[in-house]
């Protein structure tokens, strides 16, 4: 009828209490028979014992209970379950709100720091997917894995329609917060070698300090 809420336990409990077989065997039950009766099975103590490999011991209290007690246990359990579900929904909504806020802040900063004609010569960056050489060659072809990275370049100008940027690659940001360059990391199939000049969509590029 209802799962155990471990109301007789106090303090810290051993991992055995998270065992699904134990959880499914505790709580309030109605035993179906010609003369139905009710039983409460609740953990009252948990401890670790045994020699060598530890054993988890759980002491259970079993009692025959009335219909009123079944109803009371079910009401308390359902109330607790509703509270937990509401808290879970609130946590999900809070997470969604925070993710949207971060996205809005990121897009606002992109717009504010987008390169303009007066910024020629300045350093620009882009957070994007990169292809990193795995060190393995299959049938004569190098293999790559997708990684999140930061591309760093120097801004050299706009295309006539201002939709694309002419950029001079510096490389990518490595794990030591320094700029690395070389043929083993690709951006849109282009090796991130210092001094390589390409044209790229202006979307996602912003002024940065590196």
C-alpha atoms as a PDB file:
ATOM      1  CA  UNK A   1       0.000   0.000   0.000  1.00  0.00           C
ATOM      2  CA  UNK A   2       2.876   2.370   0.803  1.00  0.00           C
ATOM      3  CA  UNK A   3       6.673   2.251   0.921  1.00  0.00           C
ATOM      4  CA  UNK A   4       8.662   2.665   4.105  1.00  0.00           C
ATOM      5  CA  UNK A   5       9.753   6.206   4.959  1.00  0.00           C
ATOM      6  CA  UNK A   6      12.260   4.873   7.515  1.00  0.00           C
ATOM      7  CA  UNK A   7      10.532   6.845  10.263  1.00  0.00           C
ATOM      8  CA  UNK A   8      11.963   4.655  13.053  1.00  0.00           C
ATOM      9  CA  UNK A   9      15.567   5.210  11.965  1.00  0.00           C
ATOM     10  CA  UNK A  10      17.785   8.025  13.222  1.00  0.00           C
ATOM     11  CA  UNK A  11      21.204   9.264  12.094  1.00  0.00           C
ATOM     12  CA  UNK A  12      23.353   7.886   9.275  1.00  0.00           C
ATOM     13  CA  UNK A  13      22.416   4.553   7.724  1.00  0.00           C
ATOM     14  CA  UNK A  14      24.327   1.918   5.827  1.00  0.00           C
ATOM     15  CA  UNK A  15      24.066   1.439   2.034  1.00  0.00           C
ATOM     16  CA  UNK A  16      21.897  -1.665   2.470  1.00  0.00           C
ATOM     17  CA  UNK A  17      18.922   0.611   3.080  1.00  0.00           C
ATOM     18  CA  UNK A  18      19.198   1.726  -0.582  1.00  0.00           C
ATOM     19  CA  UNK A  19      18.831  -1.867  -1.778  1.00  0.00           C
ATOM     20  CA  UNK A  20      15.728  -2.117  -3.995  1.00  0.00           C
ATOM     21  CA  UNK A  21      14.929  -5.616  -2.743  1.00  0.00           C
ATOM     22  CA  UNK A  22      14.839  -4.293   0.826  1.00  0.00           C
ATOM     23  CA  UNK A  23      12.794  -1.230  -0.132  1.00  0.00           C
ATOM     24  CA  UNK A  24      10.213  -3.364  -1.959  1.00  0.00           C
ATOM     25  CA  UNK A  25       9.893  -5.641   1.099  1.00  0.00           C
ATOM     26  CA  UNK A  26       9.289  -2.858   3.623  1.00  0.00           C
ATOM     27  CA  UNK A  27       6.348  -0.562   4.201  1.00  0.00           C
ATOM     28  CA  UNK A  28       2.628  -1.163   4.702  1.00  0.00           C
ATOM     29  CA  UNK A  29       0.963  -4.216   3.153  1.00  0.00           C
ATOM     30  CA  UNK A  30      -2.525  -5.719   2.919  1.00  0.00           C
ATOM     31  CA  UNK A  31      -2.446  -9.512   2.879  1.00  0.00           C
ATOM     32  CA  UNK A  32      -5.193 -10.804   0.585  1.00  0.00           C
ATOM     33  CA  UNK A  33      -7.155 -13.715   2.035  1.00  0.00           C
ATOM     34  CA  UNK A  34     -10.705 -14.621   2.945  1.00  0.00           C
ATOM     35  CA  UNK A  35     -10.092 -12.572   6.076  1.00  0.00           C
ATOM     36  CA  UNK A  36      -7.719  -9.780   4.887  1.00  0.00           C
ATOM     37  CA  UNK A  37      -5.253  -8.371   7.403  1.00  0.00           C
ATOM     38  CA  UNK A  38      -2.634  -5.641   7.433  1.00  0.00           C
ATOM     39  CA  UNK A  39       1.042  -5.649   8.315  1.00  0.00           C
ATOM     40  CA  UNK A  40       3.697  -2.991   8.784  1.00  0.00           C
ATOM     41  CA  UNK A  41       7.338  -3.951   8.101  1.00  0.00           C
ATOM     42  CA  UNK A  42       9.775  -1.176   9.056  1.00  0.00           C
ATOM     43  CA  UNK A  43      13.591  -0.994   9.473  1.00  0.00           C
ATOM     44  CA  UNK A  44      14.468   0.090  13.001  1.00  0.00           C
ATOM     45  CA  UNK A  45      18.256  -0.396  13.030  1.00  0.00           C
ATOM     46  CA  UNK A  46      21.108  -0.678  10.555  1.00  0.00           C
ATOM     47  CA  UNK A  47      24.748  -1.566  11.143  1.00  0.00           C
ATOM     48  CA  UNK A  48      27.824  -3.062   9.491  1.00  0.00           C
ATOM     49  CA  UNK A  49      29.400  -6.190  10.931  1.00  0.00           C
ATOM     50  CA  UNK A  50      31.140  -9.440  10.037  1.00  0.00           C
ATOM     51  CA  UNK A  51      34.793 -10.434   9.690  1.00  0.00           C
ATOM     52  CA  UNK A  52      36.838  -9.573   6.596  1.00  0.00           C
ATOM     53  CA  UNK A  53      34.216  -8.682   3.999  1.00  0.00           C
ATOM     54  CA  UNK A  54      31.723  -6.421   5.853  1.00  0.00           C
ATOM     55  CA  UNK A  55      28.079  -7.499   6.101  1.00  0.00           C
ATOM     56  CA  UNK A  56      25.127  -5.125   6.190  1.00  0.00           C
ATOM     57  CA  UNK A  57      22.653  -5.897   8.983  1.00  0.00           C
ATOM     58  CA  UNK A  58      19.141  -4.433   9.033  1.00  0.00           C
ATOM     59  CA  UNK A  59      16.763  -5.058  11.929  1.00  0.00           C
ATOM     60  CA  UNK A  60      13.063  -5.025  11.004  1.00  0.00           C
ATOM     61  CA  UNK A  61       9.999  -4.383  13.141  1.00  0.00           C
ATOM     62  CA  UNK A  62       6.936  -6.307  11.941  1.00  0.00           C
ATOM     63  CA  UNK A  63       3.468  -5.596  13.351  1.00  0.00           C
ATOM     64  CA  UNK A  64      -0.149  -6.336  12.475  1.00  0.00           C
ATOM     65  CA  UNK A  65      -1.983  -3.007  12.108  1.00  0.00           C
ATOM     66  CA  UNK A  66      -5.565  -1.807  11.769  1.00  0.00           C
ATOM     67  CA  UNK A  67      -7.288  -0.424   8.676  1.00  0.00           C
ATOM     68  CA  UNK A  68      -7.091   3.053  10.209  1.00  0.00           C
ATOM     69  CA  UNK A  69      -3.315   2.728  10.579  1.00  0.00           C
ATOM     70  CA  UNK A  70      -3.051   1.594   6.942  1.00  0.00           C
ATOM     71  CA  UNK A  71      -5.009   4.670   5.873  1.00  0.00           C
ATOM     72  CA  UNK A  72      -2.851   6.907   8.071  1.00  0.00           C
ATOM     73  CA  UNK A  73       0.399   5.424   6.692  1.00  0.00           C
ATOM     74  CA  UNK A  74      -0.869   5.765   3.139  1.00  0.00           C
ATOM     75  CA  UNK A  75      -1.857   9.400   3.707  1.00  0.00           C
ATOM     76  CA  UNK A  76       1.546  10.282   5.172  1.00  0.00           C
ATOM     77  CA  UNK A  77       3.364   8.400   2.390  1.00  0.00           C
ATOM     78  CA  UNK A  78       1.328  10.074  -0.364  1.00  0.00           C
ATOM     79  CA  UNK A  79       1.883  13.493   1.213  1.00  0.00           C
ATOM     80  CA  UNK A  80       5.642  12.875   1.378  1.00  0.00           C
ATOM     81  CA  UNK A  81       5.641  11.587  -2.197  1.00  0.00           C
ATOM     82  CA  UNK A  82       3.805  14.712  -3.396  1.00  0.00           C
ATOM     83  CA  UNK A  83       6.337  16.935  -1.613  1.00  0.00           C
ATOM     84  CA  UNK A  84       9.242  15.051  -3.228  1.00  0.00           C
ATOM     85  CA  UNK A  85       7.649  15.259  -6.685  1.00  0.00           C
ATOM     86  CA  UNK A  86       6.981  18.984  -6.277  1.00  0.00           C
ATOM     87  CA  UNK A  87      10.566  19.551  -5.125  1.00  0.00           C
ATOM     88  CA  UNK A  88      11.817  17.585  -8.133  1.00  0.00           C
ATOM     89  CA  UNK A  89       9.670  19.689 -10.496  1.00  0.00           C
ATOM     90  CA  UNK A  90      10.901  22.899  -8.856  1.00  0.00           C
ATOM     91  CA  UNK A  91      14.518  21.732  -9.211  1.00  0.00           C
ATOM     92  CA  UNK A  92      13.982  20.945 -12.902  1.00  0.00           C
ATOM     93  CA  UNK A  93      12.331  24.316 -13.528  1.00  0.00           C
ATOM     94  CA  UNK A  94      15.124  26.088 -11.645  1.00  0.00           C
ATOM     95  CA  UNK A  95      17.730  24.260 -13.731  1.00  0.00           C
ATOM     96  CA  UNK A  96      15.918  25.175 -16.978  1.00  0.00           C
ATOM     97  CA  UNK A  97      15.662  28.809 -15.879  1.00  0.00           C
ATOM     98  CA  UNK A  98      19.367  28.931 -14.989  1.00  0.00           C
ATOM     99  CA  UNK A  99      20.359  27.329 -18.298  1.00  0.00           C
ATOM    100  CA  UNK A 100      18.227  29.855 -20.211  1.00  0.00           C
ATOM    101  CA  UNK A 101      19.732  32.715 -18.202  1.00  0.00           C
ATOM    102  CA  UNK A 102      23.251  31.542 -19.001  1.00  0.00           C
ATOM    103  CA  UNK A 103      22.332  31.177 -22.675  1.00  0.00           C
ATOM    104  CA  UNK A 104      20.851  34.697 -22.745  1.00  0.00           C
ATOM    105  CA  UNK A 105      23.946  36.129 -21.021  1.00  0.00           C
ATOM    106  CA  UNK A 106      26.231  34.325 -23.465  1.00  0.00           C
ATOM    107  CA  UNK A 107      24.303  35.554 -26.521  1.00  0.00           C
ATOM    108  CA  UNK A 108      24.193  39.105 -25.094  1.00  0.00           C
ATOM    109  CA  UNK A 109      27.966  39.073 -24.548  1.00  0.00           C
ATOM    110  CA  UNK A 110      28.473  37.732 -28.076  1.00  0.00           C
ATOM    111  CA  UNK A 111      26.470  40.639 -29.506  1.00  0.00           C
ATOM    112  CA  UNK A 112      28.304  43.220 -27.377  1.00  0.00           C
ATOM    113  CA  UNK A 113      31.766  41.855 -28.189  1.00  0.00           C
ATOM    114  CA  UNK A 114      31.190  40.932 -31.836  1.00  0.00           C
ATOM    115  CA  UNK A 115      34.087  42.248 -34.006  1.00  0.00           C
ATOM    116  CA  UNK A 116      33.452  45.512 -35.836  1.00  0.00           C
ATOM    117  CA  UNK A 117      35.318  47.273 -38.626  1.00  0.00           C
ATOM    118  CA  UNK A 118      37.293  49.354 -36.095  1.00  0.00           C
ATOM    119  CA  UNK A 119      38.551  46.146 -34.439  1.00  0.00           C
ATOM    120  CA  UNK A 120      40.821  44.992 -37.288  1.00  0.00           C
ATOM    121  CA  UNK A 121      44.009  43.569 -35.812  1.00  0.00           C
ATOM    122  CA  UNK A 122      42.418  42.566 -32.522  1.00  0.00           C
ATOM    123  CA  UNK A 123      42.262  39.018 -31.170  1.00  0.00           C
ATOM    124  CA  UNK A 124      38.968  37.176 -31.573  1.00  0.00           C
ATOM    125  CA  UNK A 125      37.778  33.838 -30.171  1.00  0.00           C
ATOM    126  CA  UNK A 126      35.082  31.254 -30.825  1.00  0.00           C
ATOM    127  CA  UNK A 127      33.763  28.439 -28.607  1.00  0.00           C
ATOM    128  CA  UNK A 128      33.136  25.536 -30.954  1.00  0.00           C
ATOM    129  CA  UNK A 129      33.601  21.844 -31.765  1.00  0.00           C
ATOM    130  CA  UNK A 130      37.095  20.840 -32.881  1.00  0.00           C
ATOM    131  CA  UNK A 131      38.473  17.646 -34.413  1.00  0.00           C
ATOM    132  CA  UNK A 132      41.453  16.293 -32.470  1.00  0.00           C
ATOM    133  CA  UNK A 133      43.804  13.685 -33.931  1.00  0.00           C
ATOM    134  CA  UNK A 134      43.551  10.437 -31.942  1.00  0.00           C
ATOM    135  CA  UNK A 135      47.047   9.274 -32.828  1.00  0.00           C
ATOM    136  CA  UNK A 136      45.580   6.352 -34.785  1.00  0.00           C
ATOM    137  CA  UNK A 137      45.730   5.895 -38.559  1.00  0.00           C
ATOM    138  CA  UNK A 138      43.224   3.518 -40.193  1.00  0.00           C
ATOM    139  CA  UNK A 139      43.771   2.426 -43.820  1.00  0.00           C
ATOM    140  CA  UNK A 140      46.261   5.223 -44.220  1.00  0.00           C
ATOM    141  CA  UNK A 141      43.846   7.886 -42.927  1.00  0.00           C
ATOM    142  CA  UNK A 142      44.185   9.724 -39.590  1.00  0.00           C
ATOM    143  CA  UNK A 143      41.226   9.401 -37.208  1.00  0.00           C
ATOM    144  CA  UNK A 144      39.802  12.266 -35.144  1.00  0.00           C
ATOM    145  CA  UNK A 145      37.557  12.724 -32.125  1.00  0.00           C
ATOM    146  CA  UNK A 146      35.174  15.629 -31.512  1.00  0.00           C
ATOM    147  CA  UNK A 147      36.095  17.918 -28.590  1.00  0.00           C
ATOM    148  CA  UNK A 148      34.862  21.243 -27.264  1.00  0.00           C
ATOM    149  CA  UNK A 149      37.458  23.954 -27.711  1.00  0.00           C
ATOM    150  CA  UNK A 150      38.265  27.640 -28.061  1.00  0.00           C
ATOM    151  CA  UNK A 151      39.669  28.850 -31.390  1.00  0.00           C
ATOM    152  CA  UNK A 152      41.870  31.964 -31.221  1.00  0.00           C
ATOM    153  CA  UNK A 153      42.658  34.176 -34.219  1.00  0.00           C
ATOM    154  CA  UNK A 154      43.451  37.707 -35.350  1.00  0.00           C
ATOM    155  CA  UNK A 155      40.690  39.670 -37.098  1.00  0.00           C
ATOM    156  CA  UNK A 156      41.745  41.001 -40.530  1.00  0.00           C
ATOM    157  CA  UNK A 157      38.519  42.257 -42.081  1.00  0.00           C
ATOM    158  CA  UNK A 158      34.976  41.706 -43.345  1.00  0.00           C
ATOM    159  CA  UNK A 159      33.660  40.394 -46.630  1.00  0.00           C
ATOM    160  CA  UNK A 160      31.764  42.903 -48.781  1.00  0.00           C
ATOM    161  CA  UNK A 161      28.407  41.806 -47.343  1.00  0.00           C
ATOM    162  CA  UNK A 162      29.784  41.773 -43.745  1.00  0.00           C
ATOM    163  CA  UNK A 163      28.579  38.166 -43.347  1.00  0.00           C
ATOM    164  CA  UNK A 164      32.071  36.634 -43.167  1.00  0.00           C
ATOM    165  CA  UNK A 165      35.322  37.428 -41.428  1.00  0.00           C
ATOM    166  CA  UNK A 166      38.856  37.210 -42.730  1.00  0.00           C
ATOM    167  CA  UNK A 167      40.849  35.721 -39.878  1.00  0.00           C
ATOM    168  CA  UNK A 168      44.475  34.837 -39.257  1.00  0.00           C
ATOM    169  CA  UNK A 169      44.683  31.736 -37.083  1.00  0.00           C
ATOM    170  CA  UNK A 170      46.675  31.733 -33.858  1.00  0.00           C
ATOM    171  CA  UNK A 171      45.565  28.275 -32.668  1.00  0.00           C
ATOM    172  CA  UNK A 172      43.449  26.917 -29.831  1.00  0.00           C
ATOM    173  CA  UNK A 173      43.411  27.256 -26.043  1.00  0.00           C
ATOM    174  CA  UNK A 174      45.085  24.262 -24.397  1.00  0.00           C
ATOM    175  CA  UNK A 175      44.574  22.796 -20.912  1.00  0.00           C
ATOM    176  CA  UNK A 176      47.289  25.072 -19.496  1.00  0.00           C
ATOM    177  CA  UNK A 177      45.408  28.227 -20.586  1.00  0.00           C
ATOM    178  CA  UNK A 178      47.970  28.812 -23.332  1.00  0.00           C
ATOM    179  CA  UNK A 179      47.679  28.974 -27.125  1.00  0.00           C
ATOM    180  CA  UNK A 180      48.695  25.847 -29.039  1.00  0.00           C
ATOM    181  CA  UNK A 181      48.849  25.473 -32.806  1.00  0.00           C
ATOM    182  CA  UNK A 182      49.573  22.689 -35.256  1.00  0.00           C
ATOM    183  CA  UNK A 183      48.064  20.280 -37.785  1.00  0.00           C
ATOM    184  CA  UNK A 184      46.653  17.804 -35.226  1.00  0.00           C
ATOM    185  CA  UNK A 185      43.593  19.896 -34.345  1.00  0.00           C
ATOM    186  CA  UNK A 186      41.097  20.950 -37.008  1.00  0.00           C
ATOM    187  CA  UNK A 187      38.426  23.641 -37.154  1.00  0.00           C
ATOM    188  CA  UNK A 188      35.945  22.894 -39.947  1.00  0.00           C
ATOM    189  CA  UNK A 189      38.535  20.587 -41.523  1.00  0.00           C
ATOM    190  CA  UNK A 190      41.140  23.393 -41.416  1.00  0.00           C
ATOM    191  CA  UNK A 191      44.321  22.688 -39.379  1.00  0.00           C
ATOM    192  CA  UNK A 192      44.752  25.260 -36.596  1.00  0.00           C
ATOM    193  CA  UNK A 193      48.252  26.247 -37.647  1.00  0.00           C
ATOM    194  CA  UNK A 194      49.483  29.695 -36.636  1.00  0.00           C
ATOM    195  CA  UNK A 195      49.466  32.130 -39.571  1.00  0.00           C
ATOM    196  CA  UNK A 196      46.882  30.257 -41.649  1.00  0.00           C
ATOM    197  CA  UNK A 197      44.374  32.751 -43.122  1.00  0.00           C
ATOM    198  CA  UNK A 198      40.753  31.696 -43.770  1.00  0.00           C
ATOM    199  CA  UNK A 199      37.305  33.203 -44.292  1.00  0.00           C
ATOM    200  CA  UNK A 200      34.625  32.174 -41.807  1.00  0.00           C
ATOM    201  CA  UNK A 201      31.032  33.001 -40.909  1.00  0.00           C
ATOM    202  CA  UNK A 202      31.025  35.822 -38.338  1.00  0.00           C
ATOM    203  CA  UNK A 203      28.508  33.944 -36.155  1.00  0.00           C
ATOM    204  CA  UNK A 204      29.970  33.042 -32.748  1.00  0.00           C
ATOM    205  CA  UNK A 205      33.183  35.103 -32.970  1.00  0.00           C
ATOM    206  CA  UNK A 206      33.864  37.694 -30.276  1.00  0.00           C
ATOM    207  CA  UNK A 207      36.713  39.931 -29.128  1.00  0.00           C
ATOM    208  CA  UNK A 208      38.920  38.383 -26.462  1.00  0.00           C
ATOM    209  CA  UNK A 209      42.268  38.870 -24.749  1.00  0.00           C
ATOM    210  CA  UNK A 210      44.890  36.193 -25.510  1.00  0.00           C
END
